[in-house]
Amino acid sequence: MEKHITGVAYVLGANIDTDQIIPAENLVYSLSDAEESKKYGHFALSGVPFDKAGLPDGQIPFIDGENTESEFTIIIAGSNFGCGSSREHAPFALEKAGIKAIIAESYARIFYRNAVDGGFVVPLESESRLVSEIRTGDQVELNFEASTLENKRTGKTYSLNSPGTVLPIIEAGGLFNYARNEGMI
């Protein structure tokens, strides 16, 4: 896994639930078929409420047109990200859309575990309220070794909580791959 990820931020509020991340009507596609599973990326975050302009929370669309990958690579979110059902498809959909990491104030426990156990995306927690300081479209750089996020637009660097022992699991491609690599199974 890269020690630094530079990308474009997509900012969301609090209580983004798994039905907003991947609505139930889009759970009909195969997870194992490479072409069909791209649809999860296309429909990622399609359940986020839209404002009168047709944009999620007044922001720009997460997926442009018929694309299956987003131009955004890092999600910045408020508290309780991934709440709702225990849908394993949610972190899978974000990975398929091109998300590498999510930085939230806090997570629903089951979403956090699904993200790590499946090796889909890196869930990190911020020490401050980043949704008030970072805008959708900002270039950001995530440094895993230093546990920091730098906003290239403002030049400001933010401290993140250490990812602890989850990075090796995600690097291995999930919990079972990690256990195999470590001789646990």
Foldseek 3Di string as FASTA:
>chain_A
DDQKDKAFEDEEEEDAALCQQANPVQPPFDCPDVVRVLVLQQRGNVNQDADPVRDRVPAHHQDPDRGSAGRTAEYEYEEAPHDDDLDLSRLVSSLSNRHAEYEYQYYDVSNQQSCLQQLRHQYWYFPDRCSVPDHGGFIWMQRLVQQWIAGPVVRDIGHIDHSPPSVLQSVLRHDVSSCVVVVVD
